C-alpha atoms as a PDB file:
ATOM      1  CA  MET A   1     105.341 157.250 169.663  1.00  0.00           C
ATOM      2  CA  GLY A   2     105.398 153.460 169.804  1.00  0.00           C
ATOM      3  CA  SER A   3     101.865 153.318 171.183  1.00  0.00           C
ATOM      4  CA  SER A   4     100.588 155.693 168.470  1.00  0.00           C
ATOM      5  CA  GLN A   5     102.183 153.688 165.638  1.00  0.00           C
ATOM      6  CA  SER A   6     100.778 150.447 167.051  1.00  0.00           C
ATOM      7  CA  SER A   7      97.312 151.979 167.234  1.00  0.00           C
ATOM      8  CA  ASN A   8      97.505 153.159 163.596  1.00  0.00           C
ATOM      9  CA  HIS A   9      98.709 149.744 162.484  1.00  0.00           C
ATOM     10  CA  ASP A  10      95.767 148.058 164.226  1.00  0.00           C
ATOM     11  CA  LYS A  11      93.351 150.496 162.559  1.00  0.00           C
ATOM     12  CA  ASP A  12      94.828 149.691 159.122  1.00  0.00           C
ATOM     13  CA  GLU A  13      94.465 145.968 159.742  1.00  0.00           C
ATOM     14  CA  ASN A  14      90.877 146.406 160.884  1.00  0.00           C
ATOM     15  CA  LEU A  15      90.066 148.501 157.813  1.00  0.00           C
ATOM     16  CA  THR A  16      91.612 145.897 155.519  1.00  0.00           C
ATOM     17  CA  ALA A  17      89.647 143.134 157.206  1.00  0.00           C
ATOM     18  CA  ILE A  18      86.394 145.096 156.889  1.00  0.00           C
ATOM     19  CA  LEU A  19      86.996 145.859 153.211  1.00  0.00           C
ATOM     20  CA  THR A  20      87.843 142.207 152.506  1.00  0.00           C
ATOM     21  CA  LEU A  21      84.673 141.072 154.270  1.00  0.00           C
ATOM     22  CA  LEU A  22      82.559 143.587 152.358  1.00  0.00           C
ATOM     23  CA  PHE A  23      84.093 142.451 149.071  1.00  0.00           C
ATOM     24  CA  MET A  24      83.324 138.800 149.849  1.00  0.00           C
ATOM     25  CA  VAL A  25      79.737 139.645 150.817  1.00  0.00           C
ATOM     26  CA  PHE A  26      79.289 141.699 147.633  1.00  0.00           C
ATOM     27  CA  THR A  27      80.719 138.850 145.508  1.00  0.00           C
ATOM     28  CA  LEU A  28      78.377 136.293 147.073  1.00  0.00           C
ATOM     29  CA  LEU A  29      75.352 138.555 146.620  1.00  0.00           C
ATOM     30  CA  TRP A  30      76.327 139.195 142.971  1.00  0.00           C
ATOM     31  CA  TYR A  31      76.781 135.472 142.355  1.00  0.00           C
ATOM     32  CA  PHE A  32      73.373 134.558 143.754  1.00  0.00           C
ATOM     33  CA  TRP A  33      71.702 137.438 141.924  1.00  0.00           C
ATOM     34  CA  ILE A  34      73.238 136.809 138.512  1.00  0.00           C
ATOM     35  CA  TRP A  35      73.664 133.043 138.408  1.00  0.00           C
ATOM     36  CA  LYS A  36      71.056 131.679 140.787  1.00  0.00           C
ATOM     37  CA  LYS A  37      68.062 133.828 139.952  1.00  0.00           C
ATOM     38  CA  PRO A  38      65.377 131.880 138.056  1.00  0.00           C
ATOM     39  CA  SER A  39      65.315 132.423 134.316  1.00  0.00           C
ATOM     40  CA  ARG A  40      62.144 133.258 132.444  1.00  0.00           C
ATOM     41  CA  ASN A  41      63.054 130.576 129.909  1.00  0.00           C
ATOM     42  CA  PRO A  42      64.914 127.964 131.924  1.00  0.00           C
ATOM     43  CA  LEU A  43      67.017 125.564 129.868  1.00  0.00           C
ATOM     44  CA  PRO A  44      66.458 121.844 130.270  1.00  0.00           C
ATOM     45  CA  PRO A  45      68.916 120.187 132.632  1.00  0.00           C
ATOM     46  CA  LEU A  46      72.122 118.798 131.201  1.00  0.00           C
ATOM     47  CA  PRO A  47      72.682 115.036 131.193  1.00  0.00           C
ATOM     48  CA  PRO A  48      74.824 113.553 133.975  1.00  0.00           C
ATOM     49  CA  GLY A  49      78.545 113.129 133.635  1.00  0.00           C
ATOM     50  CA  PRO A  50      81.813 112.780 135.521  1.00  0.00           C
ATOM     51  CA  ARG A  51      83.205 115.694 137.480  1.00  0.00           C
ATOM     52  CA  GLY A  52      86.391 117.295 136.268  1.00  0.00           C
ATOM     53  CA  LEU A  53      88.904 119.820 137.500  1.00  0.00           C
ATOM     54  CA  PRO A  54      88.404 123.582 137.419  1.00  0.00           C
ATOM     55  CA  LEU A  55      89.418 125.059 134.059  1.00  0.00           C
ATOM     56  CA  LEU A  56      90.773 121.721 132.754  1.00  0.00           C
ATOM     57  CA  GLY A  57      87.542 119.771 133.039  1.00  0.00           C
ATOM     58  CA  TYR A  58      87.882 116.039 132.431  1.00  0.00           C
ATOM     59  CA  LEU A  59      90.883 116.370 130.101  1.00  0.00           C
ATOM     60  CA  PRO A  60      93.539 115.102 132.564  1.00  0.00           C
ATOM     61  CA  PHE A  61      91.620 111.852 133.079  1.00  0.00           C
ATOM     62  CA  LEU A  62      91.229 110.833 129.433  1.00  0.00           C
ATOM     63  CA  GLY A  63      93.552 108.132 128.140  1.00  0.00           C
ATOM     64  CA  ALA A  64      94.461 106.865 124.691  1.00  0.00           C
ATOM     65  CA  ASP A  65      91.627 104.317 124.289  1.00  0.00           C
ATOM     66  CA  LEU A  66      88.714 106.758 124.197  1.00  0.00           C
ATOM     67  CA  HIS A  67      86.246 104.202 122.840  1.00  0.00           C
ATOM     68  CA  LEU A  68      86.817 101.976 125.868  1.00  0.00           C
ATOM     69  CA  GLU A  69      86.601 104.876 128.324  1.00  0.00           C
ATOM     70  CA  PHE A  70      83.404 106.168 126.736  1.00  0.00           C
ATOM     71  CA  THR A  71      81.911 102.672 126.949  1.00  0.00           C
ATOM     72  CA  ASP A  72      82.792 102.430 130.643  1.00  0.00           C
ATOM     73  CA  MET A  73      81.299 105.867 131.345  1.00  0.00           C
ATOM     74  CA  ALA A  74      78.113 104.909 129.481  1.00  0.00           C
ATOM     75  CA  ARG A  75      77.682 102.017 131.920  1.00  0.00           C
ATOM     76  CA  VAL A  76      77.864 104.480 134.805  1.00  0.00           C
ATOM     77  CA  TYR A  77      76.026 107.547 133.476  1.00  0.00           C
ATOM     78  CA  GLY A  78      73.745 106.053 130.835  1.00  0.00           C
ATOM     79  CA  PRO A  79      73.578 106.280 127.026  1.00  0.00           C
ATOM     80  CA  ILE A  80      73.912 110.081 127.015  1.00  0.00           C
ATOM     81  CA  TYR A  81      76.268 112.042 129.250  1.00  0.00           C
ATOM     82  CA  LYS A  82      78.314 115.238 129.274  1.00  0.00           C
ATOM     83  CA  LEU A  83      82.043 115.888 129.462  1.00  0.00           C
ATOM     84  CA  LYS A  84      83.725 119.215 130.130  1.00  0.00           C
ATOM     85  CA  LEU A  85      86.933 119.318 128.097  1.00  0.00           C
ATOM     86  CA  GLY A  86      88.757 122.537 128.851  1.00  0.00           C
ATOM     87  CA  THR A  87      86.297 125.329 128.056  1.00  0.00           C
ATOM     88  CA  LYS A  88      84.204 123.121 125.744  1.00  0.00           C
ATOM     89  CA  LEU A  89      81.121 121.222 126.863  1.00  0.00           C
ATOM     90  CA  CYS A  90      80.739 117.927 124.974  1.00  0.00           C
ATOM     91  CA  VAL A  91      77.841 115.484 124.931  1.00  0.00           C
ATOM     92  CA  VAL A  92      78.514 111.802 124.244  1.00  0.00           C
ATOM     93  CA  ILE A  93      75.819 109.456 122.936  1.00  0.00           C
ATOM     94  CA  SER A  94      76.340 105.712 122.844  1.00  0.00           C
ATOM     95  CA  SER A  95      73.113 103.989 121.878  1.00  0.00           C
ATOM     96  CA  PRO A  96      71.735 103.239 118.396  1.00  0.00           C
ATOM     97  CA  GLU A  97      68.376 104.813 119.285  1.00  0.00           C
ATOM     98  CA  LEU A  98      69.923 108.142 120.281  1.00  0.00           C
ATOM     99  CA  VAL A  99      72.286 108.156 117.307  1.00  0.00           C
ATOM    100  CA  LYS A 100      69.273 107.652 115.049  1.00  0.00           C
ATOM    101  CA  GLN A 101      67.531 110.650 116.622  1.00  0.00           C
ATOM    102  CA  VAL A 102      70.609 112.844 116.236  1.00  0.00           C
ATOM    103  CA  VAL A 103      71.573 112.005 112.666  1.00  0.00           C
ATOM    104  CA  ARG A 104      68.085 111.547 111.207  1.00  0.00           C
ATOM    105  CA  ASP A 105      65.281 113.073 113.284  1.00  0.00           C
ATOM    106  CA  HIS A 106      67.082 116.170 114.608  1.00  0.00           C
ATOM    107  CA  ASP A 107      69.958 116.492 112.179  1.00  0.00           C
ATOM    108  CA  ALA A 108      69.187 120.109 111.211  1.00  0.00           C
ATOM    109  CA  THR A 109      69.095 121.177 114.871  1.00  0.00           C
ATOM    110  CA  ILE A 110      72.331 119.456 115.878  1.00  0.00           C
ATOM    111  CA  SER A 111      74.196 119.781 112.570  1.00  0.00           C
ATOM    112  CA  ASP A 112      76.176 122.910 113.457  1.00  0.00           C
ATOM    113  CA  ARG A 113      79.061 121.757 115.579  1.00  0.00           C
ATOM    114  CA  ASP A 114      82.425 123.191 116.509  1.00  0.00           C
ATOM    115  CA  PRO A 115      84.993 121.552 114.203  1.00  0.00           C
ATOM    116  CA  SER A 116      88.633 121.300 115.236  1.00  0.00           C
ATOM    117  CA  ILE A 117      91.234 123.665 113.828  1.00  0.00           C
ATOM    118  CA  ALA A 118      92.827 120.860 111.804  1.00  0.00           C
ATOM    119  CA  ALA A 119      89.433 119.870 110.367  1.00  0.00           C
ATOM    120  CA  VAL A 120      88.652 123.425 109.253  1.00  0.00           C
ATOM    121  CA  ILE A 121      92.013 123.803 107.519  1.00  0.00           C
ATOM    122  CA  CYS A 122      92.082 120.411 105.787  1.00  0.00           C
ATOM    123  CA  SER A 123      88.470 120.749 104.577  1.00  0.00           C
ATOM    124  CA  PHE A 124      89.328 123.964 102.710  1.00  0.00           C
ATOM    125  CA  GLY A 125      87.812 126.239 105.319  1.00  0.00           C
ATOM    126  CA  ALA A 126      84.945 123.888 106.274  1.00  0.00           C
ATOM    127  CA  SER A 127      83.712 123.941 102.654  1.00  0.00           C
ATOM    128  CA  ASP A 128      82.540 120.318 102.645  1.00  0.00           C
ATOM    129  CA  ILE A 129      79.485 118.485 103.970  1.00  0.00           C
ATOM    130  CA  ALA A 130      81.360 116.942 106.901  1.00  0.00           C
ATOM    131  CA  PHE A 131      82.364 120.149 108.703  1.00  0.00           C
ATOM    132  CA  GLY A 132      80.441 122.904 106.920  1.00  0.00           C
ATOM    133  CA  SER A 133      77.659 124.851 108.654  1.00  0.00           C
ATOM    134  CA  TYR A 134      74.071 123.969 107.828  1.00  0.00           C
ATOM    135  CA  GLY A 135      72.583 126.339 105.270  1.00  0.00           C
ATOM    136  CA  SER A 136      71.935 126.839 101.564  1.00  0.00           C
ATOM    137  CA  ASP A 137      75.551 126.072 100.580  1.00  0.00           C
ATOM    138  CA  TRP A 138      75.582 122.909 102.680  1.00  0.00           C
ATOM    139  CA  ARG A 139      72.297 121.720 101.162  1.00  0.00           C
ATOM    140  CA  LYS A 140      73.694 122.333  97.674  1.00  0.00           C
ATOM    141  CA  LEU A 141      76.834 120.334  98.512  1.00  0.00           C
ATOM    142  CA  ARG A 142      74.757 117.496  99.917  1.00  0.00           C
ATOM    143  CA  LYS A 143      72.535 117.477  96.828  1.00  0.00           C
ATOM    144  CA  VAL A 144      75.571 117.207  94.547  1.00  0.00           C
ATOM    145  CA  PHE A 145      77.165 114.532  96.718  1.00  0.00           C
ATOM    146  CA  VAL A 146      74.049 112.348  97.014  1.00  0.00           C
ATOM    147  CA  SER A 147      72.368 112.810  93.638  1.00  0.00           C
ATOM    148  CA  ARG A 148      75.356 113.460  91.365  1.00  0.00           C
ATOM    149  CA  MET A 149      78.228 111.510  92.914  1.00  0.00           C
ATOM    150  CA  MET A 150      76.721 108.708  95.015  1.00  0.00           C
ATOM    151  CA  SER A 151      73.610 107.929  92.978  1.00  0.00           C
ATOM    152  CA  LYS A 152      73.057 104.357  91.771  1.00  0.00           C
ATOM    153  CA  THR A 153      73.606 105.440  88.174  1.00  0.00           C
ATOM    154  CA  ASN A 154      76.966 107.037  88.876  1.00  0.00           C
ATOM    155  CA  LEU A 155      78.126 104.167  91.060  1.00  0.00           C
ATOM    156  CA  ASP A 156      77.187 101.784  88.258  1.00  0.00           C
ATOM    157  CA  ASP A 157      79.201 103.943  85.868  1.00  0.00           C
ATOM    158  CA  CYS A 158      82.217 103.431  88.156  1.00  0.00           C
ATOM    159  CA  TYR A 159      81.778  99.669  87.990  1.00  0.00           C
ATOM    160  CA  ALA A 160      84.384  99.279  85.222  1.00  0.00           C
ATOM    161  CA  LEU A 161      86.995 101.043  87.362  1.00  0.00           C
ATOM    162  CA  ARG A 162      86.294  98.831  90.384  1.00  0.00           C
ATOM    163  CA  ARG A 163      86.277  95.650  88.291  1.00  0.00           C
ATOM    164  CA  GLU A 164      89.589  96.559  86.677  1.00  0.00           C
ATOM    165  CA  GLU A 165      91.207  97.140  90.086  1.00  0.00           C
ATOM    166  CA  VAL A 166      89.925  93.797  91.444  1.00  0.00           C
ATOM    167  CA  HIS A 167      91.141  91.919  88.355  1.00  0.00           C
ATOM    168  CA  LYS A 168      94.539  93.580  88.627  1.00  0.00           C
ATOM    169  CA  SER A 169      94.918  92.538  92.289  1.00  0.00           C
ATOM    170  CA  ILE A 170      93.809  88.941  91.608  1.00  0.00           C
ATOM    171  CA  SER A 171      96.205  88.714  88.682  1.00  0.00           C
ATOM    172  CA  HIS A 172      99.039  89.949  90.884  1.00  0.00           C
ATOM    173  CA  ILE A 173      98.325  87.227  93.471  1.00  0.00           C
ATOM    174  CA  TYR A 174      97.968  84.527  90.797  1.00  0.00           C
ATOM    175  CA  HIS A 175     101.230  85.330  89.005  1.00  0.00           C
ATOM    176  CA  ASP A 176     103.471  86.590  91.812  1.00  0.00           C
ATOM    177  CA  LYS A 177     102.199  84.963  95.031  1.00  0.00           C
ATOM    178  CA  ILE A 178     101.898  81.279  94.122  1.00  0.00           C
ATOM    179  CA  GLY A 179     103.159  79.182  97.044  1.00  0.00           C
ATOM    180  CA  ILE A 180     103.546  82.261  99.262  1.00  0.00           C
ATOM    181  CA  PRO A 181     101.261  82.797 102.291  1.00  0.00           C
ATOM    182  CA  THR A 182      98.975  85.772 101.604  1.00  0.00           C
ATOM    183  CA  ASP A 183      97.195  88.010 104.096  1.00  0.00           C
ATOM    184  CA  LEU A 184      93.742  88.218 102.501  1.00  0.00           C
ATOM    185  CA  GLY A 185      92.635  90.957 104.889  1.00  0.00           C
ATOM    186  CA  ARG A 186      95.500  93.152 103.771  1.00  0.00           C
ATOM    187  CA  VAL A 187      94.779  92.370 100.119  1.00  0.00           C
ATOM    188  CA  ALA A 188      91.101  93.257 100.559  1.00  0.00           C
ATOM    189  CA  PHE A 189      92.032  96.524 102.267  1.00  0.00           C
ATOM    190  CA  SER A 190      94.453  97.384  99.468  1.00  0.00           C
ATOM    191  CA  ILE A 191      91.778  96.655  96.845  1.00  0.00           C
ATOM    192  CA  ALA A 192      89.309  98.904  98.679  1.00  0.00           C
ATOM    193  CA  ILE A 193      91.789 101.795  98.878  1.00  0.00           C
ATOM    194  CA  ASN A 194      92.888 101.438  95.250  1.00  0.00           C
ATOM    195  CA  SER A 195      89.285 101.178  94.054  1.00  0.00           C
ATOM    196  CA  THR A 196      88.362 104.304  95.978  1.00  0.00           C
ATOM    197  CA  MET A 197      91.275 106.182  94.437  1.00  0.00           C
ATOM    198  CA  ARG A 198      90.240 105.020  90.951  1.00  0.00           C
ATOM    199  CA  MET A 199      86.661 106.123  91.617  1.00  0.00           C
ATOM    200  CA  LEU A 200      87.922 109.554  92.653  1.00  0.00           C
ATOM    201  CA  TRP A 201      89.860 110.385  89.498  1.00  0.00           C
ATOM    202  CA  GLY A 202      90.198 107.281  87.356  1.00  0.00           C
ATOM    203  CA  ALA A 203      93.647 106.936  85.868  1.00  0.00           C
ATOM    204  CA  THR A 204      94.596 110.611  86.213  1.00  0.00           C
ATOM    205  CA  LEU A 205      97.068 109.909  89.023  1.00  0.00           C
ATOM    206  CA  GLN A 206      97.933 106.360  87.998  1.00  0.00           C
ATOM    207  CA  GLY A 207     101.659 105.942  87.416  1.00  0.00           C
ATOM    208  CA  THR A 208     102.540 109.312  88.963  1.00  0.00           C
ATOM    209  CA  ASP A 209     104.321 110.181  92.210  1.00  0.00           C
ATOM    210  CA  PHE A 210     101.198 112.105  93.222  1.00  0.00           C
ATOM    211  CA  SER A 211      99.238 108.898  93.864  1.00  0.00           C
ATOM    212  CA  GLU A 212     101.480 107.656  96.670  1.00  0.00           C
ATOM    213  CA  ASP A 213     102.007 111.185  97.980  1.00  0.00           C
ATOM    214  CA  TYR A 214      98.255 111.631  98.242  1.00  0.00           C
ATOM    215  CA  ARG A 215      97.872 108.443 100.300  1.00  0.00           C
ATOM    216  CA  LYS A 216     100.543 109.598 102.748  1.00  0.00           C
ATOM    217  CA  LEU A 217      99.064 113.079 103.013  1.00  0.00           C
ATOM    218  CA  VAL A 218      95.561 111.734 103.717  1.00  0.00           C
ATOM    219  CA  ALA A 219      96.975 109.423 106.417  1.00  0.00           C
ATOM    220  CA  GLU A 220      98.802 112.376 107.982  1.00  0.00           C
ATOM    221  CA  MET A 221      95.644 114.453 107.784  1.00  0.00           C
ATOM    222  CA  MET A 222      93.632 111.782 109.630  1.00  0.00           C
ATOM    223  CA  ASP A 223      96.293 111.696 112.366  1.00  0.00           C
ATOM    224  CA  LEU A 224      95.896 115.456 112.796  1.00  0.00           C
ATOM    225  CA  PHE A 225      92.104 115.072 113.024  1.00  0.00           C
ATOM    226  CA  VAL A 226      92.279 112.697 115.996  1.00  0.00           C
ATOM    227  CA  LYS A 227      95.261 114.248 117.796  1.00  0.00           C
ATOM    228  CA  PRO A 228      94.128 116.245 120.867  1.00  0.00           C
ATOM    229  CA  ASN A 229      94.846 119.932 120.333  1.00  0.00           C
ATOM    230  CA  ILE A 230      95.058 122.351 123.264  1.00  0.00           C
ATOM    231  CA  SER A 231      93.944 125.151 120.945  1.00  0.00           C
ATOM    232  CA  ASP A 232      90.604 123.380 120.383  1.00  0.00           C
ATOM    233  CA  TYR A 233      89.873 123.128 124.107  1.00  0.00           C
ATOM    234  CA  PHE A 234      91.216 126.573 125.035  1.00  0.00           C
ATOM    235  CA  PRO A 235      90.494 128.986 122.137  1.00  0.00           C
ATOM    236  CA  ALA A 236      92.122 131.836 124.083  1.00  0.00           C
ATOM    237  CA  VAL A 237      95.574 130.312 123.430  1.00  0.00           C
ATOM    238  CA  ALA A 238      94.849 129.172 119.842  1.00  0.00           C
ATOM    239  CA  ARG A 239      96.926 132.014 118.377  1.00  0.00           C
ATOM    240  CA  TYR A 240     100.068 130.492 119.873  1.00  0.00           C
ATOM    241  CA  ASP A 241      99.544 127.045 118.251  1.00  0.00           C
ATOM    242  CA  ILE A 242     101.397 125.450 121.167  1.00  0.00           C
ATOM    243  CA  GLN A 243     101.539 121.946 119.643  1.00  0.00           C
ATOM    244  CA  GLY A 244     102.135 123.114 116.081  1.00  0.00           C
ATOM    245  CA  ILE A 245      99.080 121.236 114.804  1.00  0.00           C
ATOM    246  CA  GLU A 246      97.773 124.251 112.902  1.00  0.00           C
ATOM    247  CA  ARG A 247     101.095 124.656 111.096  1.00  0.00           C
ATOM    248  CA  GLN A 248     101.177 120.952 110.212  1.00  0.00           C
ATOM    249  CA  ALA A 249      97.572 121.055 108.969  1.00  0.00           C
ATOM    250  CA  LYS A 250      98.302 124.054 106.721  1.00  0.00           C
ATOM    251  CA  LYS A 251     101.315 122.259 105.287  1.00  0.00           C
ATOM    252  CA  VAL A 252      99.286 119.086 104.555  1.00  0.00           C
ATOM    253  CA  GLN A 253      96.420 121.091 103.081  1.00  0.00           C
ATOM    254  CA  TYR A 254      98.820 123.016 100.835  1.00  0.00           C
ATOM    255  CA  GLU A 255     100.289 119.795  99.430  1.00  0.00           C
ATOM    256  CA  ILE A 256      96.841 118.207  98.948  1.00  0.00           C
ATOM    257  CA  ASP A 257      95.616 121.355  97.206  1.00  0.00           C
ATOM    258  CA  LYS A 258      98.532 121.144  94.767  1.00  0.00           C
ATOM    259  CA  ILE A 259      97.678 117.526  93.885  1.00  0.00           C
ATOM    260  CA  LEU A 260      93.954 118.228  93.450  1.00  0.00           C
ATOM    261  CA  SER A 261      94.660 121.318  91.342  1.00  0.00           C
ATOM    262  CA  TRP A 262      97.005 119.289  89.136  1.00  0.00           C
ATOM    263  CA  ALA A 263      94.465 116.476  88.701  1.00  0.00           C
ATOM    264  CA  ILE A 264      91.691 118.918  87.767  1.00  0.00           C
ATOM    265  CA  LYS A 265      93.958 120.788  85.354  1.00  0.00           C
ATOM    266  CA  GLU A 266      95.053 117.543  83.673  1.00  0.00           C
ATOM    267  CA  ARG A 267      91.444 116.398  83.281  1.00  0.00           C
ATOM    268  CA  MET A 268      90.313 119.685  81.754  1.00  0.00           C
ATOM    269  CA  LYS A 269      93.346 120.120  79.498  1.00  0.00           C
ATOM    270  CA  ASN A 270      92.794 119.599  75.775  1.00  0.00           C
ATOM    271  CA  GLY A 271      89.142 118.683  76.178  1.00  0.00           C
ATOM    272  CA  GLY A 272      89.918 116.152  78.879  1.00  0.00           C
ATOM    273  CA  LEU A 273      86.277 116.032  79.929  1.00  0.00           C
ATOM    274  CA  GLN A 274      85.611 113.618  77.075  1.00  0.00           C
ATOM    275  CA  GLN A 275      85.968 110.207  78.720  1.00  0.00           C
ATOM    276  CA  LYS A 276      84.572 106.803  77.981  1.00  0.00           C
ATOM    277  CA  GLN A 277      81.039 106.604  79.314  1.00  0.00           C
ATOM    278  CA  ASP A 278      81.713 103.292  81.124  1.00  0.00           C
ATOM    279  CA  ARG A 279      84.820 104.617  82.902  1.00  0.00           C
ATOM    280  CA  LYS A 280      83.600 107.770  84.601  1.00  0.00           C
ATOM    281  CA  ASP A 281      84.911 108.809  88.000  1.00  0.00           C
ATOM    282  CA  PHE A 282      83.793 111.297  90.662  1.00  0.00           C
ATOM    283  CA  LEU A 283      86.010 114.063  89.339  1.00  0.00           C
ATOM    284  CA  GLN A 284      84.343 113.611  85.949  1.00  0.00           C
ATOM    285  CA  PHE A 285      80.877 113.857  87.518  1.00  0.00           C
ATOM    286  CA  LEU A 286      81.771 117.015  89.418  1.00  0.00           C
ATOM    287  CA  LEU A 287      83.300 118.786  86.438  1.00  0.00           C
ATOM    288  CA  GLU A 288      80.398 117.825  84.164  1.00  0.00           C
ATOM    289  CA  ASN A 289      77.928 118.965  86.816  1.00  0.00           C
ATOM    290  CA  ASN A 290      79.675 122.340  87.070  1.00  0.00           C
ATOM    291  CA  ASN A 291      79.711 122.766  83.296  1.00  0.00           C
ATOM    292  CA  ASN A 292      76.012 121.900  82.970  1.00  0.00           C
ATOM    293  CA  ASN A 293      74.888 124.105  85.874  1.00  0.00           C
ATOM    294  CA  HIS A 294      77.303 127.001  85.538  1.00  0.00           C
ATOM    295  CA  GLU A 295      74.670 129.446  84.306  1.00  0.00           C
ATOM    296  CA  ASN A 296      71.800 128.847  86.747  1.00  0.00           C
ATOM    297  CA  GLY A 297      74.049 128.023  89.705  1.00  0.00           C
ATOM    298  CA  SER A 298      71.554 125.546  91.206  1.00  0.00           C
ATOM    299  CA  THR A 299      74.222 122.943  91.874  1.00  0.00           C
ATOM    300  CA  SER A 300      77.344 124.624  90.512  1.00  0.00           C
ATOM    301  CA  LEU A 301      80.279 124.651  92.919  1.00  0.00           C
ATOM    302  CA  THR A 302      83.280 126.837  93.499  1.00  0.00           C
ATOM    303  CA  MET A 303      86.648 125.211  92.892  1.00  0.00           C
ATOM    304  CA  GLN A 304      87.216 125.195  96.670  1.00  0.00           C
ATOM    305  CA  GLN A 305      83.940 123.348  97.275  1.00  0.00           C
ATOM    306  CA  LEU A 306      84.739 120.891  94.488  1.00  0.00           C
ATOM    307  CA  LYS A 307      88.085 120.033  96.065  1.00  0.00           C
ATOM    308  CA  ALA A 308      86.478 119.727  99.490  1.00  0.00           C
ATOM    309  CA  LEU A 309      83.928 117.233  98.123  1.00  0.00           C
ATOM    310  CA  LEU A 310      86.710 115.135  96.634  1.00  0.00           C
ATOM    311  CA  MET A 311      88.328 115.082 100.086  1.00  0.00           C
ATOM    312  CA  VAL A 312      85.087 113.751 101.635  1.00  0.00           C
END
């Protein structure tokens, strides 16, 4: 009996070994057939780049100072190189010549990128020109932004708002800061931020709690943009929102939407579109543009797109 059981056990082990060997051979043959066979339309080779770990890619090796690390890698791999971050393949460019080719010569080809979850949420579903997909809607948004908002005529119309903000800041220093050391860099930064806010919606938010709330919300939004999110690198686990970034982004976007809706409502209330011609702001331009183009729809925007442009 013992000899018979031993013989059967040996046969089972041999059969297992044979099946394992056959499986390995089949896997190797399948790999070489599927992945190594020449393609009829072979893709150009990818640029060089550092090796990473399986599944994680180069994520574990990235530190906090990305600009310094990218500069160091450019010295090793050249002005264009690849990085595997989780399941995402990224290409880094670090020379003015290549940046010029990407943003000017081949912008339509490379315009569609994979925005982060936080960016999609805070841009009202990628409804702006920063994160939206290239197409007819994007071209319409860009046309409104360049020709209606950022044209020389409109910027000149905002001159009174900028001048008033500069005069206010200088007056504050002259009357309240005499004999006190003043950080001019901080003053200049404050003037730039305040002028930008005035150009967005004039005096609509001036003297309200919304103005300061909006500054804090935008700062929080920018933090969410740059914070690494596991869900961006591993879409398979995005539903779990492990770091809570999606929940935070939705909360910020909800609060920003309330402020923008209030500002638009206040401007439109009781014929609020009638403003002094020398004190126009971007919100005024957008609302006037929508009123003038509502029928033909050439450059008319949805309320979601209008808010997204203000966020840009």
